[in-house]
Amino acid sequence: MRSLLPLLLVLSACSTESAPAPSSKGGALEPFFAQQAEPGSVDVLAARASAKAGSELVLKGRVKDFVGGLAAFTLIDPSLRACSDEGDPMQDSCETPWDYCCIPGKEVAAACATVEFRDAAGVLKQPIEGFHGLAHLDTVVVRGTAELDATGNLTLVAKSFSFTPNPPRKN
């Protein structure tokens, strides 16, 4: 099955969309949620360099983009600095730091992976943004099965995940 968003990685440069209100009503997503992170995680860049199709891996990254209305998002390697991170020149001025608009698009795309939550019918048609408070730039650890497309884009079909909220921004 093909991934829904191998090229969504750079679509939302400096967007102004607002996030939905947090929700703890998980429905079909609740069985995927873990209170504690799986041990042995690898960052997105390392996983992209070594993942084999069909292999199980534990991936760690920060939430970059959500796919509207679906249980899917893009993770970016934690080594890349978001505009809101300490020391970034745009730290106090960027409204959408999760778009990484200060980093060249090719570098951003090469440091991303897609995470999808599926059932027998495909990607769950339930938004994951706001699930248990999940938001942009939160650090996520997800266990799943790797899929690779012809150009090397990594999609992880999730089996479980946990996350740590990003510290609140100062405004």
C-alpha atoms as a PDB file:
ATOM      1  CA  MET A   1       0.000   0.000   0.000  1.00  0.00           C
ATOM      2  CA  ARG A   2       1.330   3.413  -0.885  1.00  0.00           C
ATOM      3  CA  SER A   3       1.786   6.095   1.713  1.00  0.00           C
ATOM      4  CA  LEU A   4      -0.614   8.994   1.722  1.00  0.00           C
ATOM      5  CA  LEU A   5       1.974  11.686   2.083  1.00  0.00           C
ATOM      6  CA  PRO A   6       5.497  11.032   0.913  1.00  0.00           C
ATOM      7  CA  LEU A   7       5.721  14.528  -0.535  1.00  0.00           C
ATOM      8  CA  LEU A   8       3.578  16.348   2.017  1.00  0.00           C
ATOM      9  CA  LEU A   9       6.784  17.005   3.872  1.00  0.00           C
ATOM     10  CA  VAL A  10       7.343  20.481   2.480  1.00  0.00           C
ATOM     11  CA  LEU A  11       3.835  21.613   1.543  1.00  0.00           C
ATOM     12  CA  SER A  12       3.094  23.815   4.521  1.00  0.00           C
ATOM     13  CA  ALA A  13       5.918  26.368   4.570  1.00  0.00           C
ATOM     14  CA  CYS A  14       5.033  29.190   6.943  1.00  0.00           C
ATOM     15  CA  SER A  15       1.322  28.363   7.061  1.00  0.00           C
ATOM     16  CA  THR A  16      -1.111  30.146   9.364  1.00  0.00           C
ATOM     17  CA  GLU A  17      -3.622  27.401  10.115  1.00  0.00           C
ATOM     18  CA  SER A  18      -4.714  26.953  13.715  1.00  0.00           C
ATOM     19  CA  ALA A  19      -4.761  23.685  15.602  1.00  0.00           C
ATOM     20  CA  PRO A  20      -7.959  21.998  16.767  1.00  0.00           C
ATOM     21  CA  ALA A  21      -8.767  21.851  20.450  1.00  0.00           C
ATOM     22  CA  PRO A  22      -7.098  18.963  22.298  1.00  0.00           C
ATOM     23  CA  SER A  23      -9.177  15.826  22.681  1.00  0.00           C
ATOM     24  CA  SER A  24      -8.785  12.731  24.793  1.00  0.00           C
ATOM     25  CA  LYS A  25     -11.555  10.830  23.001  1.00  0.00           C
ATOM     26  CA  GLY A  26      -9.561   8.322  21.035  1.00  0.00           C
ATOM     27  CA  GLY A  27     -12.050   5.948  19.451  1.00  0.00           C
ATOM     28  CA  ALA A  28     -10.092   3.782  17.036  1.00  0.00           C
ATOM     29  CA  LEU A  29      -6.810   5.441  18.055  1.00  0.00           C
ATOM     30  CA  GLU A  30      -6.935   4.489  21.727  1.00  0.00           C
ATOM     31  CA  PRO A  31      -5.443   0.973  21.252  1.00  0.00           C
ATOM     32  CA  PHE A  32      -2.337   2.557  19.688  1.00  0.00           C
ATOM     33  CA  PHE A  33      -1.639   4.869  22.626  1.00  0.00           C
ATOM     34  CA  ALA A  34       1.062   3.865  25.115  1.00  0.00           C
ATOM     35  CA  GLN A  35       1.738   5.660  28.382  1.00  0.00           C
ATOM     36  CA  GLN A  36       5.496   5.025  28.158  1.00  0.00           C
ATOM     37  CA  ALA A  37       7.902   5.194  25.247  1.00  0.00           C
ATOM     38  CA  GLU A  38       9.216   1.983  23.718  1.00  0.00           C
ATOM     39  CA  PRO A  39      12.945   1.528  24.415  1.00  0.00           C
ATOM     40  CA  GLY A  40      15.529   1.411  21.659  1.00  0.00           C
ATOM     41  CA  SER A  41      14.264   4.226  19.458  1.00  0.00           C
ATOM     42  CA  VAL A  42      16.224   5.605  16.512  1.00  0.00           C
ATOM     43  CA  ASP A  43      15.956   9.121  15.145  1.00  0.00           C
ATOM     44  CA  VAL A  44      14.373   9.734  11.741  1.00  0.00           C
ATOM     45  CA  LEU A  45      17.658  10.340   9.862  1.00  0.00           C
ATOM     46  CA  ALA A  46      19.186   7.095  11.160  1.00  0.00           C
ATOM     47  CA  ALA A  47      16.024   5.161  10.325  1.00  0.00           C
ATOM     48  CA  ARG A  48      15.890   6.556   6.782  1.00  0.00           C
ATOM     49  CA  ALA A  49      19.494   5.469   6.247  1.00  0.00           C
ATOM     50  CA  SER A  50      19.029   1.903   7.487  1.00  0.00           C
ATOM     51  CA  ALA A  51      15.342   0.883   7.442  1.00  0.00           C
ATOM     52  CA  LYS A  52      14.338  -2.107   5.335  1.00  0.00           C
ATOM     53  CA  ALA A  53      10.822  -2.550   3.976  1.00  0.00           C
ATOM     54  CA  GLY A  54       8.831  -4.800   6.281  1.00  0.00           C
ATOM     55  CA  SER A  55      11.167  -4.414   9.240  1.00  0.00           C
ATOM     56  CA  GLU A  56       9.879  -3.370  12.624  1.00  0.00           C
ATOM     57  CA  LEU A  57      11.447  -0.302  14.160  1.00  0.00           C
ATOM     58  CA  VAL A  58      10.978   2.208  16.931  1.00  0.00           C
ATOM     59  CA  LEU A  59      11.202   5.726  15.535  1.00  0.00           C
ATOM     60  CA  LYS A  60      11.704   9.013  17.397  1.00  0.00           C
ATOM     61  CA  GLY A  61      11.064  12.493  16.040  1.00  0.00           C
ATOM     62  CA  ARG A  62       9.037  15.672  16.400  1.00  0.00           C
ATOM     63  CA  VAL A  63       5.600  16.183  14.879  1.00  0.00           C
ATOM     64  CA  LYS A  64       5.889  18.402  11.822  1.00  0.00           C
ATOM     65  CA  ASP A  65       2.590  18.137   9.914  1.00  0.00           C
ATOM     66  CA  PHE A  66      -0.772  16.486  10.465  1.00  0.00           C
ATOM     67  CA  VAL A  67      -2.909  15.105   7.647  1.00  0.00           C
ATOM     68  CA  GLY A  68      -6.324  16.740   8.010  1.00  0.00           C
ATOM     69  CA  GLY A  69      -9.062  14.323   9.023  1.00  0.00           C
ATOM     70  CA  LEU A  70      -6.791  11.271   9.099  1.00  0.00           C
ATOM     71  CA  ALA A  71      -4.701   9.425  11.646  1.00  0.00           C
ATOM     72  CA  ALA A  72      -1.390  10.354  10.034  1.00  0.00           C
ATOM     73  CA  PHE A  73       1.402  12.847  10.571  1.00  0.00           C
ATOM     74  CA  THR A  74       4.949  13.631   9.536  1.00  0.00           C
ATOM     75  CA  LEU A  75       7.852  13.244  11.959  1.00  0.00           C
ATOM     76  CA  ILE A  76      11.049  15.230  11.541  1.00  0.00           C
ATOM     77  CA  ASP A  77      14.434  14.339  12.951  1.00  0.00           C
ATOM     78  CA  PRO A  78      14.953  15.980  16.366  1.00  0.00           C
ATOM     79  CA  SER A  79      18.350  17.333  15.283  1.00  0.00           C
ATOM     80  CA  LEU A  80      16.691  19.966  13.088  1.00  0.00           C
ATOM     81  CA  ARG A  81      15.886  23.178  14.863  1.00  0.00           C
ATOM     82  CA  ALA A  82      12.340  24.581  14.705  1.00  0.00           C
ATOM     83  CA  CYS A  83      11.925  28.342  14.581  1.00  0.00           C
ATOM     84  CA  SER A  84      10.705  28.323  18.193  1.00  0.00           C
ATOM     85  CA  ASP A  85      13.732  26.463  19.568  1.00  0.00           C
ATOM     86  CA  GLU A  86      16.103  28.229  21.919  1.00  0.00           C
ATOM     87  CA  GLY A  87      18.712  30.187  19.996  1.00  0.00           C
ATOM     88  CA  ASP A  88      16.919  30.272  16.640  1.00  0.00           C
ATOM     89  CA  PRO A  89      16.941  33.793  15.130  1.00  0.00           C
ATOM     90  CA  MET A  90      13.164  33.590  14.588  1.00  0.00           C
ATOM     91  CA  GLN A  91      12.479  32.187  18.058  1.00  0.00           C
ATOM     92  CA  ASP A  92      10.001  34.877  19.075  1.00  0.00           C
ATOM     93  CA  SER A  93       8.592  35.843  15.679  1.00  0.00           C
ATOM     94  CA  CYS A  94       7.541  32.705  13.777  1.00  0.00           C
ATOM     95  CA  GLU A  95       3.844  31.855  14.077  1.00  0.00           C
ATOM     96  CA  THR A  96       4.307  28.347  12.631  1.00  0.00           C
ATOM     97  CA  PRO A  97       7.683  27.038  13.823  1.00  0.00           C
ATOM     98  CA  TRP A  98       6.773  23.432  12.942  1.00  0.00           C
ATOM     99  CA  ASP A  99       7.079  24.217   9.219  1.00  0.00           C
ATOM    100  CA  TYR A 100      10.879  24.610   9.540  1.00  0.00           C
ATOM    101  CA  CYS A 101      10.727  27.352   6.888  1.00  0.00           C
ATOM    102  CA  CYS A 102      14.220  28.618   7.788  1.00  0.00           C
ATOM    103  CA  ILE A 103      15.776  25.311   6.652  1.00  0.00           C
ATOM    104  CA  PRO A 104      16.099  24.432   2.946  1.00  0.00           C
ATOM    105  CA  GLY A 105      13.201  22.275   1.766  1.00  0.00           C
ATOM    106  CA  LYS A 106      15.433  19.437   0.538  1.00  0.00           C
ATOM    107  CA  GLU A 107      17.049  19.174   3.969  1.00  0.00           C
ATOM    108  CA  VAL A 108      13.642  19.121   5.660  1.00  0.00           C
ATOM    109  CA  ALA A 109      12.299  16.465   3.267  1.00  0.00           C
ATOM    110  CA  ALA A 110      15.355  14.261   3.816  1.00  0.00           C
ATOM    111  CA  ALA A 111      14.834  14.396   7.595  1.00  0.00           C
ATOM    112  CA  CYS A 112      11.152  13.382   7.631  1.00  0.00           C
ATOM    113  CA  ALA A 113       9.132  10.187   7.823  1.00  0.00           C
ATOM    114  CA  THR A 114       5.395   9.610   7.615  1.00  0.00           C
ATOM    115  CA  VAL A 115       3.498   7.814  10.386  1.00  0.00           C
ATOM    116  CA  GLU A 116       0.133   6.230   9.569  1.00  0.00           C
ATOM    117  CA  PHE A 117      -2.371   4.510  11.845  1.00  0.00           C
ATOM    118  CA  ARG A 118      -4.271   1.884   9.849  1.00  0.00           C
ATOM    119  CA  ASP A 119      -6.911  -0.759  10.137  1.00  0.00           C
ATOM    120  CA  ALA A 120      -7.975  -3.314   7.498  1.00  0.00           C
ATOM    121  CA  ALA A 121      -9.584  -0.539   5.405  1.00  0.00           C
ATOM    122  CA  GLY A 122      -6.477   1.688   5.363  1.00  0.00           C
ATOM    123  CA  VAL A 123      -5.500   4.870   7.191  1.00  0.00           C
ATOM    124  CA  LEU A 124      -7.995   5.613   9.968  1.00  0.00           C
ATOM    125  CA  LYS A 125     -10.350   8.417   9.045  1.00  0.00           C
ATOM    126  CA  GLN A 126     -10.014  10.079  12.402  1.00  0.00           C
ATOM    127  CA  PRO A 127      -7.839  13.111  13.067  1.00  0.00           C
ATOM    128  CA  ILE A 128      -4.928  12.416  15.375  1.00  0.00           C
ATOM    129  CA  GLU A 129      -4.100  16.068  15.999  1.00  0.00           C
ATOM    130  CA  GLY A 130      -5.238  16.848  19.550  1.00  0.00           C
ATOM    131  CA  PHE A 131      -5.483  13.160  20.542  1.00  0.00           C
ATOM    132  CA  HIS A 132      -4.472  13.155  24.234  1.00  0.00           C
ATOM    133  CA  GLY A 133      -3.201  16.673  23.506  1.00  0.00           C
ATOM    134  CA  LEU A 134      -0.852  15.703  20.626  1.00  0.00           C
ATOM    135  CA  ALA A 135       0.379  18.865  18.890  1.00  0.00           C
ATOM    136  CA  HIS A 136       3.018  20.162  16.487  1.00  0.00           C
ATOM    137  CA  LEU A 137       6.619  19.768  17.685  1.00  0.00           C
ATOM    138  CA  ASP A 138       5.769  17.191  20.357  1.00  0.00           C
ATOM    139  CA  THR A 139       8.393  14.452  20.580  1.00  0.00           C
ATOM    140  CA  VAL A 140       6.907  11.121  19.511  1.00  0.00           C
ATOM    141  CA  VAL A 141       8.217   7.586  19.848  1.00  0.00           C
ATOM    142  CA  VAL A 142       6.352   5.180  17.580  1.00  0.00           C
ATOM    143  CA  ARG A 143       6.784   1.441  17.010  1.00  0.00           C
ATOM    144  CA  GLY A 144       5.705   0.070  13.662  1.00  0.00           C
ATOM    145  CA  THR A 145       6.494  -1.571  10.356  1.00  0.00           C
ATOM    146  CA  ALA A 146       8.603   0.249   7.783  1.00  0.00           C
ATOM    147  CA  GLU A 147       7.470   0.884   4.224  1.00  0.00           C
ATOM    148  CA  LEU A 148       9.748   2.513   1.652  1.00  0.00           C
ATOM    149  CA  ASP A 149       8.716   3.997  -1.672  1.00  0.00           C
ATOM    150  CA  ALA A 150      10.820   4.019  -4.839  1.00  0.00           C
ATOM    151  CA  THR A 151      12.495   7.310  -3.897  1.00  0.00           C
ATOM    152  CA  GLY A 152      13.435   6.263  -0.353  1.00  0.00           C
ATOM    153  CA  ASN A 153      10.633   7.981   1.574  1.00  0.00           C
ATOM    154  CA  LEU A 154       9.927   6.174   4.835  1.00  0.00           C
ATOM    155  CA  THR A 155       6.425   5.466   6.088  1.00  0.00           C
ATOM    156  CA  LEU A 156       5.944   3.761   9.429  1.00  0.00           C
ATOM    157  CA  VAL A 157       2.697   1.839   9.852  1.00  0.00           C
ATOM    158  CA  ALA A 158       2.151   2.389  13.562  1.00  0.00           C
ATOM    159  CA  LYS A 159       1.486  -0.304  16.121  1.00  0.00           C
ATOM    160  CA  SER A 160       1.928   1.877  19.208  1.00  0.00           C
ATOM    161  CA  PHE A 161       3.107   5.352  20.135  1.00  0.00           C
ATOM    162  CA  SER A 162       3.717   7.714  23.010  1.00  0.00           C
ATOM    163  CA  PHE A 163       4.682  11.343  23.115  1.00  0.00           C
ATOM    164  CA  THR A 164       6.162  14.096  25.228  1.00  0.00           C
ATOM    165  CA  PRO A 165       4.600  17.543  24.833  1.00  0.00           C
ATOM    166  CA  ASN A 166       6.773  20.324  23.467  1.00  0.00           C
ATOM    167  CA  PRO A 167       7.424  23.038  26.046  1.00  0.00           C
ATOM    168  CA  PRO A 168       4.961  25.924  25.634  1.00  0.00           C
ATOM    169  CA  ARG A 169       6.105  28.833  23.488  1.00  0.00           C
ATOM    170  CA  LYS A 170       6.695  32.268  24.962  1.00  0.00           C
ATOM    171  CA  ASN A 171       4.705  34.938  23.166  1.00  0.00           C
END
